[in-house]
Amino acid sequence: MNALTDILVVLAVFLLLTGPALAGLARERRIDRRLRGPLPQKSSSRSTVPSTATWYADGRRSKKLVSS
């Protein structure tokens, strides 16, 4: 019975010493995940926002149609 008590005392001291460090580590990881932001969704390989070249070409086409 005395050996069981010794083991429990050592385990309790170990938890008292490592508990705050483990809680701080979990908090740091949570903050890092929040700062990193959500992971991008890979629904398709093409972008839904037109590129600058597409936007410029569309603008040029519309000006030609209006001026002629």
N, C-alpha and C. Protein backbone atom coordinates (compact mmCIF):
# COMPACT_ATOMS: atom_id res chain seq x y z
N MET A 1 0.82 -1.20 0.00
CA MET A 1 0.00 0.00 0.00
C MET A 1 0.86 1.26 0.00
N ASN A 2 2.01 1.20 0.65
CA ASN A 2 2.90 2.35 0.73
C ASN A 2 3.46 2.69 -0.65
N ALA A 3 3.74 1.69 -1.50
CA ALA A 3 4.28 1.92 -2.84
C ALA A 3 3.24 2.63 -3.70
N LEU A 4 1.98 2.27 -3.56
CA LEU A 4 0.91 2.91 -4.32
C LEU A 4 0.79 4.39 -3.93
N THR A 5 0.90 4.69 -2.68
CA THR A 5 0.85 6.07 -2.21
C THR A 5 2.02 6.88 -2.77
N ASP A 6 3.21 6.27 -2.78
CA ASP A 6 4.38 6.96 -3.33
C ASP A 6 4.19 7.27 -4.82
N ILE A 7 3.65 6.30 -5.55
CA ILE A 7 3.41 6.50 -6.99
C ILE A 7 2.41 7.62 -7.20
N LEU A 8 1.35 7.65 -6.41
CA LEU A 8 0.33 8.69 -6.55
C LEU A 8 0.89 10.07 -6.21
N VAL A 9 1.76 10.14 -5.20
CA VAL A 9 2.37 11.42 -4.83
C VAL A 9 3.27 11.92 -5.95
N VAL A 10 4.07 11.03 -6.53
CA VAL A 10 4.95 11.42 -7.63
C VAL A 10 4.12 11.87 -8.83
N LEU A 11 3.04 11.15 -9.12
CA LEU A 11 2.17 11.52 -10.23
C LEU A 11 1.51 12.88 -10.00
N ALA A 12 1.08 13.15 -8.79
CA ALA A 12 0.45 14.43 -8.46
C ALA A 12 1.45 15.58 -8.61
N VAL A 13 2.67 15.39 -8.14
CA VAL A 13 3.71 16.43 -8.27
C VAL A 13 4.03 16.66 -9.75
N PHE A 14 4.11 15.57 -10.51
CA PHE A 14 4.39 15.68 -11.94
C PHE A 14 3.30 16.49 -12.63
N LEU A 15 2.04 16.21 -12.31
CA LEU A 15 0.93 16.95 -12.93
C LEU A 15 0.91 18.41 -12.50
N LEU A 16 1.26 18.69 -11.25
CA LEU A 16 1.32 20.08 -10.79
C LEU A 16 2.40 20.87 -11.51
N LEU A 17 3.51 20.21 -11.83
CA LEU A 17 4.60 20.91 -12.50
C LEU A 17 4.37 21.04 -14.00
N THR A 18 3.79 20.04 -14.63
CA THR A 18 3.63 20.07 -16.08
C THR A 18 2.28 20.63 -16.53
N GLY A 19 1.31 20.68 -15.65
CA GLY A 19 -0.03 21.15 -16.02
C GLY A 19 -0.05 22.55 -16.61
N PRO A 20 0.52 23.55 -15.95
CA PRO A 20 0.51 24.90 -16.52
C PRO A 20 1.25 25.00 -17.86
N ALA A 21 2.35 24.25 -18.00
CA ALA A 21 3.09 24.28 -19.26
C ALA A 21 2.25 23.68 -20.39
N LEU A 22 1.56 22.60 -20.13
CA LEU A 22 0.72 21.97 -21.16
C LEU A 22 -0.47 22.85 -21.51
N ALA A 23 -1.04 23.51 -20.51
CA ALA A 23 -2.16 24.43 -20.78
C ALA A 23 -1.69 25.61 -21.62
N GLY A 24 -0.51 26.14 -21.33
CA GLY A 24 0.03 27.24 -22.12
C GLY A 24 0.34 26.82 -23.54
N LEU A 25 0.85 25.61 -23.72
CA LEU A 25 1.13 25.10 -25.05
C LEU A 25 -0.16 24.96 -25.86
N ALA A 26 -1.21 24.46 -25.24
CA ALA A 26 -2.49 24.33 -25.93
C ALA A 26 -3.03 25.71 -26.32
N ARG A 27 -2.87 26.69 -25.44
CA ARG A 27 -3.33 28.05 -25.73
C ARG A 27 -2.55 28.66 -26.90
N GLU A 28 -1.23 28.46 -26.91
CA GLU A 28 -0.40 28.98 -28.00
C GLU A 28 -0.82 28.38 -29.34
N ARG A 29 -1.07 27.07 -29.36
CA ARG A 29 -1.48 26.42 -30.61
C ARG A 29 -2.82 26.95 -31.10
N ARG A 30 -3.74 27.20 -30.17
CA ARG A 30 -5.05 27.74 -30.54
C ARG A 30 -4.90 29.14 -31.13
N ILE A 31 -4.05 29.98 -30.54
CA ILE A 31 -3.82 31.33 -31.05
C ILE A 31 -3.17 31.27 -32.42
N ASP A 32 -2.19 30.38 -32.60
CA ASP A 32 -1.53 30.24 -33.90
C ASP A 32 -2.52 29.85 -34.99
N ARG A 33 -3.42 28.93 -34.67
CA ARG A 33 -4.43 28.52 -35.66
C ARG A 33 -5.34 29.68 -36.01
N ARG A 34 -5.71 30.48 -35.02
CA ARG A 34 -6.59 31.62 -35.27
C ARG A 34 -5.90 32.68 -36.12
N LEU A 35 -4.60 32.92 -35.88
CA LEU A 35 -3.87 33.91 -36.66
C LEU A 35 -3.63 33.44 -38.09
N ARG A 36 -3.43 32.14 -38.27
CA ARG A 36 -3.20 31.60 -39.59
C ARG A 36 -4.45 31.70 -40.46
N GLY A 37 -5.62 31.70 -39.86
CA GLY A 37 -6.86 31.83 -40.60
C GLY A 37 -7.35 30.50 -41.12
N PRO A 38 -8.54 30.53 -41.72
CA PRO A 38 -9.10 29.28 -42.23
C PRO A 38 -8.32 28.80 -43.45
N LEU A 39 -8.28 27.50 -43.62
CA LEU A 39 -7.59 26.93 -44.77
C LEU A 39 -8.43 27.17 -46.02
N PRO A 40 -7.79 27.46 -47.14
CA PRO A 40 -8.56 27.72 -48.37
C PRO A 40 -9.27 26.47 -48.85
N GLN A 41 -10.48 26.66 -49.37
CA GLN A 41 -11.25 25.56 -49.91
C GLN A 41 -10.80 25.29 -51.33
N LYS A 42 -10.61 24.04 -51.68
CA LYS A 42 -10.18 23.68 -53.03
C LYS A 42 -11.38 23.10 -53.78
N SER A 43 -12.31 23.97 -54.18
CA SER A 43 -13.48 23.50 -54.89
C SER A 43 -13.20 23.34 -56.37
N SER A 44 -12.37 24.19 -56.93
CA SER A 44 -12.01 24.05 -58.33
C SER A 44 -10.60 24.59 -58.54
N SER A 45 -10.01 24.24 -59.64
CA SER A 45 -8.64 24.69 -59.90
C SER A 45 -8.61 26.09 -60.47
N ARG A 46 -9.72 26.56 -61.06
CA ARG A 46 -9.74 27.90 -61.65
C ARG A 46 -10.19 28.93 -60.61
N SER A 47 -9.67 30.10 -60.74
CA SER A 47 -10.04 31.20 -59.85
C SER A 47 -11.36 31.81 -60.31
N THR A 48 -12.18 32.24 -59.37
CA THR A 48 -13.46 32.86 -59.73
C THR A 48 -13.28 34.34 -60.03
N VAL A 49 -12.17 34.93 -59.63
CA VAL A 49 -11.91 36.33 -59.90
C VAL A 49 -11.15 36.44 -61.22
N PRO A 50 -11.63 37.25 -62.17
CA PRO A 50 -10.91 37.35 -63.44
C PRO A 50 -9.55 38.00 -63.25
N SER A 51 -8.63 37.61 -64.10
CA SER A 51 -7.29 38.17 -64.01
C SER A 51 -7.30 39.61 -64.52
N THR A 52 -6.22 40.33 -64.29
CA THR A 52 -6.12 41.71 -64.75
C THR A 52 -6.17 41.78 -66.28
N ALA A 53 -5.54 40.82 -66.93
CA ALA A 53 -5.55 40.81 -68.40
C ALA A 53 -6.97 40.63 -68.93
N THR A 54 -7.75 39.75 -68.32
CA THR A 54 -9.14 39.54 -68.76
C THR A 54 -9.95 40.80 -68.54
N TRP A 55 -9.77 41.43 -67.39
CA TRP A 55 -10.52 42.64 -67.08
C TRP A 55 -10.17 43.76 -68.07
N TYR A 56 -8.88 43.90 -68.40
CA TYR A 56 -8.44 44.93 -69.32
C TYR A 56 -8.98 44.66 -70.73
N ALA A 57 -8.93 43.41 -71.17
CA ALA A 57 -9.41 43.07 -72.50
C ALA A 57 -10.92 43.30 -72.60
N ASP A 58 -11.67 42.95 -71.57
CA ASP A 58 -13.11 43.18 -71.59
C ASP A 58 -13.42 44.68 -71.66
N GLY A 59 -12.66 45.48 -70.95
CA GLY A 59 -12.86 46.93 -70.99
C GLY A 59 -12.56 47.50 -72.36
N ARG A 60 -11.52 47.01 -73.01
CA ARG A 60 -11.16 47.49 -74.35
C ARG A 60 -12.23 47.12 -75.37
N ARG A 61 -12.77 45.90 -75.25
CA ARG A 61 -13.82 45.46 -76.19
C ARG A 61 -15.06 46.33 -76.05
N SER A 62 -15.44 46.65 -74.81
CA SER A 62 -16.65 47.44 -74.61
C SER A 62 -16.46 48.88 -75.14
N LYS A 63 -15.26 49.43 -75.02
CA LYS A 63 -15.00 50.78 -75.55
C LYS A 63 -15.07 50.78 -77.07
N LYS A 64 -14.57 49.72 -77.71
CA LYS A 64 -14.63 49.65 -79.16
C LYS A 64 -16.07 49.59 -79.65
N LEU A 65 -16.91 48.85 -78.93
CA LEU A 65 -18.29 48.72 -79.33
C LEU A 65 -19.02 50.06 -79.21
N VAL A 66 -18.71 50.83 -78.17
CA VAL A 66 -19.38 52.09 -77.95
C VAL A 66 -18.94 53.13 -78.98
N SER A 67 -17.65 53.17 -79.33
CA SER A 67 -17.14 54.21 -80.21
C SER A 67 -17.48 53.95 -81.68
N SER A 68 -17.84 52.74 -82.06
CA SER A 68 -18.09 52.49 -83.48
C SER A 68 -19.53 52.64 -83.89
